[in-house]
N, C-alpha and C. Protein backbone atom coordinates (compact mmCIF):
# COMPACT_ATOMS: atom_id res chain seq x y z
N MET A 1 -27.39 -58.27 -18.41
CA MET A 1 -26.76 -58.54 -16.79
C MET A 1 -25.42 -58.21 -16.36
N THR A 2 -24.51 -58.43 -17.82
CA THR A 2 -23.40 -57.74 -17.69
C THR A 2 -23.16 -56.50 -17.66
N SER A 3 -23.95 -55.62 -18.43
CA SER A 3 -24.12 -53.94 -18.23
C SER A 3 -25.04 -53.88 -17.28
N GLU A 4 -25.83 -54.42 -16.78
CA GLU A 4 -26.16 -53.63 -15.22
C GLU A 4 -25.28 -53.81 -14.15
N ARG A 5 -24.32 -55.05 -14.25
CA ARG A 5 -23.87 -55.03 -13.71
C ARG A 5 -22.23 -54.23 -13.47
N ASN A 6 -21.71 -53.85 -14.74
CA ASN A 6 -21.29 -52.95 -14.66
C ASN A 6 -21.48 -51.50 -14.42
N LEU A 7 -22.59 -51.28 -14.58
CA LEU A 7 -23.45 -49.87 -14.25
C LEU A 7 -23.03 -50.02 -12.98
N GLU A 8 -23.65 -50.65 -11.68
CA GLU A 8 -23.87 -50.82 -10.75
C GLU A 8 -22.51 -50.69 -10.13
N GLN A 9 -21.47 -51.63 -10.89
CA GLN A 9 -19.64 -50.97 -10.33
C GLN A 9 -19.69 -49.66 -10.28
N ASP A 10 -19.73 -49.02 -11.63
CA ASP A 10 -19.60 -48.14 -11.95
C ASP A 10 -20.15 -46.87 -10.90
N THR A 11 -21.27 -47.50 -10.60
CA THR A 11 -22.36 -46.31 -9.32
C THR A 11 -21.18 -46.41 -8.06
N ASN A 12 -20.64 -47.97 -7.68
CA ASN A 12 -20.33 -48.19 -6.34
C ASN A 12 -18.82 -47.22 -6.69
N THR A 13 -18.07 -47.73 -7.27
CA THR A 13 -16.98 -46.78 -7.42
C THR A 13 -16.74 -45.33 -7.68
N SER A 14 -18.54 -44.66 -8.32
CA SER A 14 -17.95 -43.29 -7.98
C SER A 14 -18.26 -42.86 -6.63
N THR A 15 -19.02 -43.84 -5.86
CA THR A 15 -19.32 -43.20 -4.72
C THR A 15 -18.45 -43.09 -3.72
N SER A 16 -17.93 -44.41 -3.90
CA SER A 16 -16.59 -44.77 -3.14
C SER A 16 -15.23 -43.51 -3.39
N TRP A 17 -14.98 -43.32 -4.43
CA TRP A 17 -14.73 -41.79 -4.46
C TRP A 17 -14.61 -40.58 -4.11
N TRP A 18 -16.40 -40.25 -3.97
CA TRP A 18 -16.30 -39.36 -3.12
C TRP A 18 -16.83 -39.48 -1.56
N ASN A 19 -16.89 -40.86 -1.11
CA ASN A 19 -16.44 -40.71 0.47
C ASN A 19 -14.97 -40.58 0.84
N ASN A 20 -14.18 -41.38 -0.25
CA ASN A 20 -12.88 -40.89 0.20
C ASN A 20 -12.28 -39.68 -0.06
N GLN A 21 -13.06 -38.83 -0.87
CA GLN A 21 -12.22 -37.42 -0.84
C GLN A 21 -13.36 -36.43 -0.14
N ARG A 22 -14.82 -36.72 0.25
CA ARG A 22 -15.64 -35.59 0.99
C ARG A 22 -14.89 -34.63 1.67
N ASP A 23 -13.57 -35.47 2.64
CA ASP A 23 -12.93 -34.46 3.35
C ASP A 23 -11.78 -33.99 3.02
N ASN A 24 -11.80 -34.13 2.16
CA ASN A 24 -10.42 -33.36 1.62
C ASN A 24 -10.93 -32.08 0.83
N ILE A 25 -11.78 -32.29 -0.01
CA ILE A 25 -12.67 -31.03 -0.35
C ILE A 25 -13.01 -30.37 0.52
N ARG A 26 -13.87 -30.87 1.65
CA ARG A 26 -14.69 -29.95 2.80
C ARG A 26 -12.77 -28.91 3.39
N VAL A 27 -12.02 -30.05 3.48
CA VAL A 27 -10.41 -28.92 4.01
C VAL A 27 -10.12 -27.60 3.43
N ILE A 28 -10.52 -28.32 2.03
CA ILE A 28 -9.76 -27.20 0.95
C ILE A 28 -10.66 -26.54 0.86
N GLY A 29 -12.04 -26.59 0.76
CA GLY A 29 -13.00 -25.29 0.92
C GLY A 29 -13.07 -24.46 2.13
N ILE A 30 -12.67 -25.03 3.43
CA ILE A 30 -12.29 -24.36 4.38
C ILE A 30 -11.16 -23.51 4.53
N ALA A 31 -10.06 -24.38 4.07
CA ALA A 31 -8.74 -23.64 3.67
C ALA A 31 -8.98 -21.95 3.09
N LEU A 32 -9.90 -22.46 1.93
CA LEU A 32 -10.05 -20.98 1.01
C LEU A 32 -10.64 -20.25 1.48
N ILE A 33 -11.86 -20.19 2.13
CA ILE A 33 -12.44 -19.44 2.94
C ILE A 33 -11.77 -18.60 4.27
N ILE A 34 -10.99 -19.63 4.87
CA ILE A 34 -9.76 -18.52 5.56
C ILE A 34 -9.28 -17.79 4.81
N ALA A 35 -8.39 -17.85 4.08
CA ALA A 35 -7.43 -17.70 3.00
C ALA A 35 -8.15 -16.72 2.31
N LEU A 36 -9.30 -16.39 2.06
CA LEU A 36 -9.75 -15.09 2.04
C LEU A 36 -10.44 -14.12 2.41
N PHE A 37 -10.61 -14.76 3.97
CA PHE A 37 -10.60 -13.54 4.95
C PHE A 37 -9.47 -13.11 5.33
N LEU A 38 -8.56 -13.53 5.45
CA LEU A 38 -7.37 -12.77 6.07
C LEU A 38 -7.06 -12.23 5.13
N ARG A 39 -7.07 -12.19 3.94
CA ARG A 39 -6.58 -11.32 2.62
C ARG A 39 -7.66 -10.42 2.59
N LEU A 40 -8.63 -10.07 3.40
CA LEU A 40 -9.68 -9.14 3.30
C LEU A 40 -9.28 -8.19 3.77
N PHE A 41 -9.20 -8.45 5.28
CA PHE A 41 -9.71 -8.16 6.29
C PHE A 41 -8.01 -7.86 7.11
N ILE A 42 -7.39 -9.33 7.03
CA ILE A 42 -6.01 -9.35 8.17
C ILE A 42 -4.80 -9.03 7.66
N ALA A 43 -4.57 -9.68 6.55
CA ALA A 43 -2.88 -9.07 5.70
C ALA A 43 -2.74 -9.89 4.51
N GLU A 44 -2.06 -9.35 3.08
CA GLU A 44 -2.24 -9.94 2.36
C GLU A 44 -0.73 -9.57 1.46
N PRO A 45 -0.28 -10.64 0.62
CA PRO A 45 0.70 -10.22 -0.49
C PRO A 45 0.92 -9.33 -1.26
N ARG A 46 1.79 -8.55 -2.06
CA ARG A 46 2.06 -8.11 -2.98
C ARG A 46 3.16 -7.47 -3.17
N TYR A 47 3.16 -7.09 -4.87
CA TYR A 47 4.37 -6.88 -5.07
C TYR A 47 4.77 -5.99 -5.57
N ILE A 48 5.87 -5.29 -5.65
CA ILE A 48 6.36 -3.51 -6.11
C ILE A 48 6.49 -3.37 -7.69
N PRO A 49 5.53 -2.73 -8.22
CA PRO A 49 5.57 -2.63 -9.77
C PRO A 49 6.11 -1.45 -9.93
N SER A 50 6.59 -0.93 -9.39
CA SER A 50 7.75 0.20 -10.32
C SER A 50 8.86 0.79 -9.09
N GLY A 51 9.81 1.34 -9.47
CA GLY A 51 11.17 2.31 -9.01
C GLY A 51 10.31 3.19 -8.11
N SER A 52 9.99 3.47 -7.88
CA SER A 52 9.21 4.57 -7.05
C SER A 52 9.35 4.90 -5.54
N MET A 53 9.84 3.50 -4.98
CA MET A 53 9.99 3.46 -3.52
C MET A 53 11.45 2.76 -3.52
N LEU A 54 12.32 3.06 -4.47
CA LEU A 54 13.45 3.10 -4.39
C LEU A 54 14.67 3.62 -3.73
N PRO A 55 15.40 3.41 -2.66
CA PRO A 55 16.10 1.92 -2.75
C PRO A 55 16.00 0.99 -1.59
N THR A 56 14.35 1.56 -1.13
CA THR A 56 13.74 1.00 0.03
C THR A 56 13.21 -0.65 -0.49
N LEU A 57 12.27 -0.51 -1.22
CA LEU A 57 11.53 -1.66 -2.08
C LEU A 57 12.30 -1.49 -3.38
N GLN A 58 12.43 -2.44 -4.07
CA GLN A 58 12.71 -2.83 -5.51
C GLN A 58 11.88 -3.27 -6.07
N ILE A 59 12.06 -3.15 -7.24
CA ILE A 59 10.69 -3.85 -8.50
C ILE A 59 10.61 -5.01 -8.31
N ASN A 60 9.52 -6.08 -8.04
CA ASN A 60 9.33 -7.12 -7.94
C ASN A 60 9.53 -7.71 -6.59
N ASP A 61 10.09 -6.81 -5.50
CA ASP A 61 10.42 -7.38 -4.50
C ASP A 61 8.00 -8.23 -3.46
N ARG A 62 8.74 -8.76 -3.03
CA ARG A 62 7.30 -8.76 -2.00
C ARG A 62 6.93 -8.91 -1.22
N ILE A 63 6.01 -8.08 -0.36
CA ILE A 63 5.81 -7.11 0.84
C ILE A 63 4.46 -7.94 1.26
N ILE A 64 4.50 -7.82 2.71
CA ILE A 64 3.26 -8.34 3.14
C ILE A 64 2.64 -7.16 4.21
N VAL A 65 1.48 -6.86 3.58
CA VAL A 65 0.41 -5.59 3.94
C VAL A 65 -0.39 -6.02 5.18
N GLU A 66 -0.06 -5.44 6.19
CA GLU A 66 -1.76 -5.74 7.19
C GLU A 66 -2.50 -4.77 7.26
N LYS A 67 -3.44 -5.04 7.98
CA LYS A 67 -4.42 -4.39 8.04
C LYS A 67 -5.21 -4.11 9.45
N VAL A 68 -4.71 -4.19 10.07
CA VAL A 68 -5.22 -4.64 11.24
C VAL A 68 -5.13 -3.38 12.30
N SER A 69 -3.82 -2.72 11.84
CA SER A 69 -2.86 -1.69 13.17
C SER A 69 -4.07 -0.49 12.90
N TYR A 70 -4.28 -0.07 11.70
CA TYR A 70 -5.04 1.14 11.85
C TYR A 70 -6.48 1.13 11.69
N LEU A 71 -6.84 0.09 12.04
CA LEU A 71 -8.17 0.16 12.92
C LEU A 71 -8.20 0.08 14.32
N LEU A 72 -7.02 0.06 15.11
CA LEU A 72 -6.84 0.78 16.34
C LEU A 72 -6.03 2.16 16.56
N ASN A 73 -4.95 2.09 15.57
CA ASN A 73 -4.04 3.59 15.89
C ASN A 73 -4.20 3.79 14.76
N ALA A 74 -3.84 5.50 14.64
CA ALA A 74 -3.75 6.38 13.48
C ALA A 74 -2.47 5.77 12.97
N PRO A 75 -2.24 6.46 11.74
CA PRO A 75 -0.82 6.00 10.59
C PRO A 75 -0.01 7.19 11.19
N GLN A 76 0.96 6.54 11.14
CA GLN A 76 2.42 7.73 11.36
C GLN A 76 3.23 7.99 10.36
N ARG A 77 3.56 8.57 10.91
CA ARG A 77 5.15 9.36 9.96
C ARG A 77 6.53 8.37 9.82
N GLY A 78 6.69 8.30 8.55
CA GLY A 78 7.54 7.52 8.03
C GLY A 78 7.13 5.85 7.79
N GLU A 79 5.80 5.66 8.38
CA GLU A 79 5.49 4.13 7.55
C GLU A 79 4.63 4.72 6.26
N ILE A 80 5.11 2.90 5.93
CA ILE A 80 5.41 2.88 4.36
C ILE A 80 3.86 1.95 4.17
N ILE A 81 2.31 2.81 3.57
CA ILE A 81 1.15 2.82 3.35
C ILE A 81 0.61 1.83 1.82
N VAL A 82 -0.01 0.99 1.53
CA VAL A 82 -0.46 0.74 0.17
C VAL A 82 -1.79 1.65 -0.04
N PHE A 83 -2.37 1.59 -0.73
CA PHE A 83 -3.70 3.20 -0.78
C PHE A 83 -4.39 2.30 -2.13
N TYR A 84 -5.30 3.56 -2.05
CA TYR A 84 -5.68 3.87 -3.51
C TYR A 84 -5.66 5.42 -3.61
N PRO A 85 -4.93 5.44 -5.02
CA PRO A 85 -4.98 6.65 -5.11
C PRO A 85 -6.12 7.70 -5.04
N PRO A 86 -6.49 9.26 -4.48
CA PRO A 86 -7.17 9.75 -5.00
C PRO A 86 -7.73 10.22 -6.74
N LYS A 87 -8.59 10.79 -6.84
CA LYS A 87 -9.28 10.75 -8.16
C LYS A 87 -8.26 12.40 -8.20
N ALA A 88 -8.18 12.88 -9.30
CA ALA A 88 -6.96 14.05 -9.79
C ALA A 88 -6.51 13.39 -10.96
N PRO A 89 -6.36 14.52 -11.77
CA PRO A 89 -6.37 15.03 -13.51
C PRO A 89 -4.73 14.15 -13.92
N GLN A 90 -3.95 14.16 -12.57
CA GLN A 90 -2.96 13.20 -13.17
C GLN A 90 -2.90 11.63 -12.75
N ILE A 91 -3.87 11.32 -12.53
CA ILE A 91 -4.09 9.74 -11.98
C ILE A 91 -5.11 9.11 -13.43
N THR A 92 -4.46 8.54 -14.10
CA THR A 92 -5.42 7.40 -14.80
C THR A 92 -6.31 6.51 -14.49
N ASP A 93 -5.49 5.97 -13.23
CA ASP A 93 -6.40 5.13 -12.85
C ASP A 93 -6.91 4.43 -11.38
N THR A 94 -7.56 4.93 -10.64
CA THR A 94 -7.74 4.84 -9.26
C THR A 94 -8.29 3.78 -8.71
N SER A 95 -7.91 2.52 -9.32
CA SER A 95 -8.51 1.72 -8.55
C SER A 95 -6.84 0.34 -9.00
N ALA A 96 -5.73 1.06 -9.06
CA ALA A 96 -4.67 0.66 -9.32
C ALA A 96 -3.57 0.84 -7.79
N PRO A 97 -3.67 0.12 -7.34
CA PRO A 97 -3.12 0.63 -5.93
C PRO A 97 -1.27 0.97 -5.81
N TYR A 98 -1.17 1.96 -4.92
CA TYR A 98 0.00 2.91 -4.86
C TYR A 98 0.86 2.77 -3.50
N ILE A 99 1.75 2.38 -3.51
CA ILE A 99 2.62 2.62 -2.51
C ILE A 99 3.80 3.46 -2.20
N LYS A 100 4.00 4.23 -0.79
CA LYS A 100 4.32 5.60 -0.31
C LYS A 100 4.75 5.50 0.86
N ARG A 101 5.01 6.51 1.42
CA ARG A 101 5.73 6.71 2.51
C ARG A 101 5.05 8.14 3.39
N ILE A 102 4.63 7.86 4.67
CA ILE A 102 3.58 8.95 5.04
C ILE A 102 5.09 10.16 5.64
N ILE A 103 4.76 11.33 5.37
CA ILE A 103 5.33 11.96 5.65
C ILE A 103 4.39 13.44 6.11
N GLY A 104 3.84 13.14 5.82
CA GLY A 104 2.59 14.46 6.84
C GLY A 104 1.72 14.10 7.60
N LEU A 105 1.12 14.45 8.81
CA LEU A 105 -0.05 13.95 9.36
C LEU A 105 -1.41 15.14 9.30
N PRO A 106 -2.74 14.66 9.57
CA PRO A 106 -3.25 15.49 10.10
C PRO A 106 -2.99 17.00 10.79
N GLY A 107 -3.05 18.15 10.24
CA GLY A 107 -2.26 19.39 10.60
C GLY A 107 -1.14 19.77 10.49
N ASP A 108 -0.02 18.97 9.54
CA ASP A 108 1.18 19.04 9.53
C ASP A 108 0.95 20.18 8.63
N ARG A 109 2.69 21.32 8.33
CA ARG A 109 2.52 22.28 7.25
C ARG A 109 3.33 21.41 6.29
N ILE A 110 3.38 21.06 5.11
CA ILE A 110 4.33 20.62 4.28
C ILE A 110 4.68 21.57 3.30
N SER A 111 6.34 21.91 3.08
CA SER A 111 6.94 22.63 2.23
C SER A 111 8.15 21.77 1.50
N ILE A 112 8.10 22.20 0.12
CA ILE A 112 9.62 21.40 -0.52
C ILE A 112 10.45 22.65 -1.08
N HIS A 113 11.63 22.43 -0.55
CA HIS A 113 12.29 23.69 -1.44
C HIS A 113 14.06 23.42 -0.60
N ASP A 114 14.89 23.92 -1.32
CA ASP A 114 16.27 23.94 -1.17
C ASP A 114 16.60 22.02 -1.00
N LYS A 115 16.00 21.58 -1.59
CA LYS A 115 15.88 19.72 -1.55
C LYS A 115 15.76 19.31 -0.60
N LYS A 116 14.57 19.64 0.35
CA LYS A 116 14.33 19.17 1.18
C LYS A 116 13.13 19.42 1.33
N VAL A 117 12.61 18.42 2.38
CA VAL A 117 11.03 18.41 2.78
C VAL A 117 10.82 18.80 3.93
N PHE A 118 10.37 20.01 4.51
CA PHE A 118 10.20 20.52 5.54
C PHE A 118 8.60 20.37 6.16
N VAL A 119 8.85 19.75 7.47
CA VAL A 119 7.13 19.31 7.51
C VAL A 119 7.60 20.55 9.45
N ASN A 120 6.27 21.13 9.81
CA ASN A 120 6.12 21.94 10.73
C ASN A 120 7.20 22.99 10.45
N ASP A 121 7.98 23.79 9.57
CA ASP A 121 9.06 24.33 8.85
C ASP A 121 10.25 23.83 9.15
N ARG A 122 10.37 22.61 9.70
CA ARG A 122 11.64 22.20 10.11
C ARG A 122 11.79 21.00 8.85
N PRO A 123 13.13 20.98 8.31
CA PRO A 123 13.08 19.95 7.30
C PRO A 123 14.04 18.81 8.12
N ILE A 124 13.11 17.40 7.62
CA ILE A 124 13.13 16.33 8.24
C ILE A 124 14.40 14.95 7.79
N LYS A 125 14.85 14.33 8.35
CA LYS A 125 16.26 13.53 8.40
C LYS A 125 16.03 12.28 7.50
N GLU A 126 16.18 12.37 6.47
CA GLU A 126 15.62 11.24 5.82
C GLU A 126 17.34 10.41 4.65
N LEU A 127 17.35 9.62 5.35
CA LEU A 127 18.13 8.69 5.31
C LEU A 127 18.00 7.19 3.90
N TYR A 128 16.41 7.44 3.98
CA TYR A 128 16.07 6.20 3.10
C TYR A 128 15.66 7.03 1.69
N ILE A 129 16.08 8.01 0.94
CA ILE A 129 15.56 8.48 0.04
C ILE A 129 17.06 8.07 -1.13
N ALA A 130 16.61 7.78 -2.31
CA ALA A 130 17.21 7.77 -3.59
C ALA A 130 18.39 8.96 -3.60
N GLU A 131 17.70 10.12 -3.76
CA GLU A 131 18.29 11.62 -3.72
C GLU A 131 17.20 12.86 -3.23
N ALA A 132 17.79 13.32 -3.06
CA ALA A 132 16.96 14.76 -2.98
C ALA A 132 16.14 14.80 -3.35
N PRO A 133 14.86 15.77 -3.26
CA PRO A 133 14.15 16.18 -4.40
C PRO A 133 14.37 17.68 -5.27
N SER A 134 14.23 17.56 -6.65
CA SER A 134 15.06 18.56 -7.30
C SER A 134 14.41 19.55 -7.72
N TYR A 135 13.30 19.40 -7.19
CA TYR A 135 11.98 20.35 -7.50
C TYR A 135 11.45 21.35 -5.89
N ASN A 136 10.88 22.35 -6.09
CA ASN A 136 10.49 22.94 -5.40
C ASN A 136 8.61 22.84 -5.54
N LEU A 137 8.03 22.97 -4.38
CA LEU A 137 6.60 23.36 -4.56
C LEU A 137 6.10 24.69 -4.38
N LEU A 138 5.18 24.40 -4.65
CA LEU A 138 4.34 25.90 -4.87
C LEU A 138 2.68 25.34 -4.37
N PHE A 139 2.04 25.40 -3.63
CA PHE A 139 0.30 25.13 -3.80
C PHE A 139 -0.45 26.49 -4.32
N ALA A 140 -1.38 26.31 -5.01
CA ALA A 140 -2.20 27.16 -5.31
C ALA A 140 -3.58 27.22 -4.37
N SER A 141 -3.58 28.81 -3.96
CA SER A 141 -4.27 28.98 -2.83
C SER A 141 -5.51 29.94 -3.59
N GLN A 142 -6.78 29.75 -2.83
CA GLN A 142 -7.85 31.07 -3.34
C GLN A 142 -7.39 32.21 -2.21
N ASN A 143 -7.59 33.31 -2.59
CA ASN A 143 -7.59 34.34 -1.44
C ASN A 143 -7.95 35.36 -2.17
N GLN A 144 -9.14 35.93 -1.35
CA GLN A 144 -9.65 37.04 -2.10
C GLN A 144 -10.03 37.07 -3.03
N ASP A 145 -10.60 36.12 -3.85
CA ASP A 145 -11.42 35.71 -5.24
C ASP A 145 -10.33 35.66 -6.31
N LYS A 146 -8.66 35.56 -5.84
CA LYS A 146 -7.73 35.30 -6.85
C LYS A 146 -7.04 34.18 -6.41
N THR A 147 -6.12 34.02 -7.47
CA THR A 147 -5.45 32.07 -7.01
C THR A 147 -3.69 32.80 -7.25
N GLU A 148 -3.15 32.44 -5.69
CA GLU A 148 -1.94 32.43 -5.45
C GLU A 148 -1.05 31.57 -5.19
N SER A 149 0.22 31.53 -5.16
CA SER A 149 1.06 30.39 -4.93
C SER A 149 1.35 30.64 -3.58
N ILE A 150 1.73 29.52 -2.68
CA ILE A 150 2.28 29.95 -1.37
C ILE A 150 3.04 28.26 -1.12
N GLN A 151 3.80 28.60 -0.73
CA GLN A 151 5.37 27.20 -0.44
C GLN A 151 5.13 26.64 0.42
N THR A 152 3.70 26.91 1.58
CA THR A 152 3.70 25.87 2.55
C THR A 152 2.15 25.69 2.72
N ALA A 153 2.02 24.21 2.65
CA ALA A 153 0.02 23.77 2.68
C ALA A 153 -0.28 22.99 3.91
N THR A 154 -0.98 23.07 4.80
CA THR A 154 -1.59 22.59 5.87
C THR A 154 -2.24 21.25 5.48
N VAL A 155 -2.10 19.99 5.52
CA VAL A 155 -2.67 18.81 5.80
C VAL A 155 -4.34 18.59 6.60
N PRO A 156 -4.95 18.52 5.58
CA PRO A 156 -6.78 18.32 5.79
C PRO A 156 -7.06 17.24 7.32
N PRO A 157 -7.94 17.68 7.92
CA PRO A 157 -8.56 16.58 8.79
C PRO A 157 -7.99 14.82 7.63
N ASN A 158 -7.81 14.09 8.55
CA ASN A 158 -8.02 12.48 8.07
C ASN A 158 -7.81 12.52 6.61
N SER A 159 -6.78 12.85 6.67
CA SER A 159 -5.77 13.20 5.46
C SER A 159 -3.94 12.99 5.65
N TYR A 160 -3.55 12.64 4.62
CA TYR A 160 -2.06 12.62 4.82
C TYR A 160 -1.25 12.74 3.52
N TRP A 161 -0.05 13.22 3.59
CA TRP A 161 1.01 13.56 2.82
C TRP A 161 1.93 12.27 2.44
N VAL A 162 1.74 11.82 1.25
CA VAL A 162 2.74 10.63 1.02
C VAL A 162 3.52 10.84 -0.15
N MET A 163 4.88 10.41 -0.29
CA MET A 163 5.75 10.71 -0.99
C MET A 163 6.38 9.40 -0.78
N GLY A 164 7.44 9.01 -2.17
CA GLY A 164 8.10 7.53 -2.99
C GLY A 164 9.64 8.13 -2.33
N ASP A 165 9.90 7.21 -1.75
CA ASP A 165 11.49 7.26 -1.43
C ASP A 165 12.27 7.72 -2.66
N ASN A 166 12.21 7.31 -3.85
CA ASN A 166 12.56 7.85 -5.25
C ASN A 166 11.78 9.06 -5.62
N ARG A 167 12.27 10.18 -5.15
CA ARG A 167 11.94 11.50 -4.79
C ARG A 167 11.56 11.87 -5.98
N ASN A 168 12.98 11.94 -7.51
CA ASN A 168 12.05 12.85 -8.64
C ASN A 168 11.07 11.75 -9.54
N TYR A 169 11.14 10.59 -9.20
CA TYR A 169 10.36 9.92 -9.94
C TYR A 169 9.43 8.76 -9.61
N SER A 170 8.83 9.75 -8.69
CA SER A 170 7.36 9.05 -7.87
C SER A 170 6.15 9.72 -7.78
N ASN A 171 4.93 9.16 -8.34
CA ASN A 171 3.81 10.12 -8.74
C ASN A 171 3.31 10.10 -7.25
N ASP A 172 3.12 10.94 -6.23
CA ASP A 172 2.51 11.17 -5.25
C ASP A 172 2.21 12.37 -4.50
N SER A 173 2.09 12.65 -3.61
CA SER A 173 1.31 13.73 -3.39
C SER A 173 1.78 15.01 -3.83
N HIS A 174 3.15 15.17 -4.15
CA HIS A 174 3.97 16.71 -4.54
C HIS A 174 3.31 16.73 -6.06
N ILE A 175 2.35 15.71 -6.56
CA ILE A 175 1.78 16.03 -7.81
C ILE A 175 0.26 16.08 -7.38
N TRP A 176 -0.39 15.32 -6.77
CA TRP A 176 -1.67 15.44 -7.13
C TRP A 176 -2.31 15.55 -5.61
N GLY A 177 -1.75 15.95 -4.56
CA GLY A 177 -2.13 16.45 -2.94
C GLY A 177 -2.58 15.32 -1.69
N PHE A 178 -3.31 15.61 -1.71
CA PHE A 178 -3.33 15.11 -0.13
C PHE A 178 -4.10 14.11 0.14
N LEU A 179 -3.75 12.75 0.62
CA LEU A 179 -4.27 10.98 0.48
C LEU A 179 -5.35 11.03 1.57
N PRO A 180 -7.08 10.91 1.24
CA PRO A 180 -7.56 10.56 2.29
C PRO A 180 -7.84 9.59 3.53
N LYS A 181 -7.42 9.11 4.30
CA LYS A 181 -7.47 7.87 5.52
C LYS A 181 -8.49 6.95 4.80
N GLU A 182 -9.56 7.34 4.40
CA GLU A 182 -10.31 5.93 3.79
C GLU A 182 -10.05 5.30 2.58
N ASN A 183 -8.59 6.19 2.15
CA ASN A 183 -8.40 5.38 0.71
C ASN A 183 -7.07 4.00 1.08
N ILE A 184 -6.88 4.72 2.38
CA ILE A 184 -5.33 3.77 2.44
C ILE A 184 -5.87 1.94 2.90
N ILE A 185 -5.18 1.34 2.02
CA ILE A 185 -5.54 -0.25 2.16
C ILE A 185 -4.60 -1.03 3.77
N GLY A 186 -3.45 -0.59 3.88
CA GLY A 186 -2.94 -0.88 5.18
C GLY A 186 -1.47 -0.88 5.23
N ARG A 187 -0.73 -1.27 6.00
CA ARG A 187 0.85 -0.81 6.26
C ARG A 187 1.43 -1.89 5.85
N ALA A 188 2.49 -1.63 4.94
CA ALA A 188 3.55 -2.35 4.55
C ALA A 188 4.49 -2.79 5.30
N CYS A 189 4.36 -4.20 6.16
CA CYS A 189 5.21 -4.49 7.63
C CYS A 189 5.97 -5.16 7.40
N LEU A 190 6.55 -6.33 5.92
CA LEU A 190 7.66 -6.97 5.90
C LEU A 190 7.69 -6.89 4.68
N ARG A 191 8.96 -7.20 4.11
CA ARG A 191 9.15 -7.51 3.14
C ARG A 191 10.32 -8.85 2.73
N PHE A 192 9.57 -9.79 2.46
CA PHE A 192 9.76 -11.35 2.25
C PHE A 192 10.06 -12.12 1.07
N TRP A 193 10.40 -11.58 0.14
CA TRP A 193 11.37 -12.08 -1.21
C TRP A 193 11.52 -10.73 -2.10
N PRO A 194 12.62 -10.40 -2.46
CA PRO A 194 13.74 -12.50 -2.44
C PRO A 194 14.12 -12.36 -0.84
N PHE A 195 14.50 -13.49 -1.13
CA PHE A 195 15.06 -14.11 0.46
C PHE A 195 16.07 -13.71 0.79
N ASP A 196 16.47 -12.60 0.99
CA ASP A 196 17.92 -12.31 0.97
C ASP A 196 18.84 -11.06 1.47
N GLY A 197 19.31 -10.75 1.76
CA GLY A 197 19.99 -9.80 2.74
C GLY A 197 19.30 -8.43 3.39
N ARG A 198 17.80 -8.37 2.53
CA ARG A 198 17.24 -7.47 2.60
C ARG A 198 15.95 -7.46 3.47
N PHE A 199 15.80 -9.11 3.47
CA PHE A 199 14.65 -10.06 4.33
C PHE A 199 14.35 -8.92 5.44
N GLY A 200 13.20 -8.62 5.61
CA GLY A 200 13.11 -8.03 7.06
C GLY A 200 12.06 -7.27 7.35
N TRP A 201 11.28 -6.79 8.39
CA TRP A 201 10.63 -5.69 8.84
C TRP A 201 10.44 -4.22 8.34
N LEU A 202 9.83 -3.64 8.11
CA LEU A 202 9.59 -2.43 7.35
C LEU A 202 9.43 -1.72 8.43
N ASN A 203 10.11 -1.41 9.37
CA ASN A 203 9.96 -0.29 10.36
C ASN A 203 9.90 0.96 10.04
N PRO A 204 9.41 1.91 10.80
CA PRO A 204 9.75 3.51 10.36
C PRO A 204 10.81 3.81 10.78
N PRO A 205 11.77 5.17 10.34
CA PRO A 205 12.57 5.50 10.78
C PRO A 205 12.29 6.44 12.14
N GLU A 206 13.41 6.51 12.39
CA GLU A 206 13.05 7.92 13.89
C GLU A 206 13.05 9.29 13.20
N TYR A 207 12.23 10.36 13.13
CA TYR A 207 12.77 11.42 12.49
C TYR A 207 13.86 12.59 13.71
């Protein structure tokens, strides 16, 4: 009788615990589903793993990447975006996200020389870069069955030219070319950590 009574008490205790915790488990489950939905479709936090965006973003900075605005509007010059890099010989892992700034839009003519970046044959004012680019950019072009170098290339439709603010230490479009629009994950909109004087919105500059 004692064993049966103990077993009944254990069963009642388990049932009572489940009844007390059932609502909490449901709340946690719903919260996890909402968090997953927000991360997949609305916004997500990310950290900066390299110095390619110095001085704007430093290593281990935390940012928020929002994914909604590009469903309604096209990306704009000067915006900082997170994306999957395209397949190219210079890229070893296309599953690791990159973060760069949009410099060229579809149809823009891009060239880099005299330590300046030119868009549509005009140098753009860039107060955010670490230092001027130390390279000139030459593009390979097929012309009458031969390859020749040209200094200006036009961004194709549904593609972008992206560059790191740390120009001379950035694996970006000047190395591997144009970024397809479908590779974009979202726009970096807020730097939230560390909580210091650099906390704030990542608004694009005026050109």
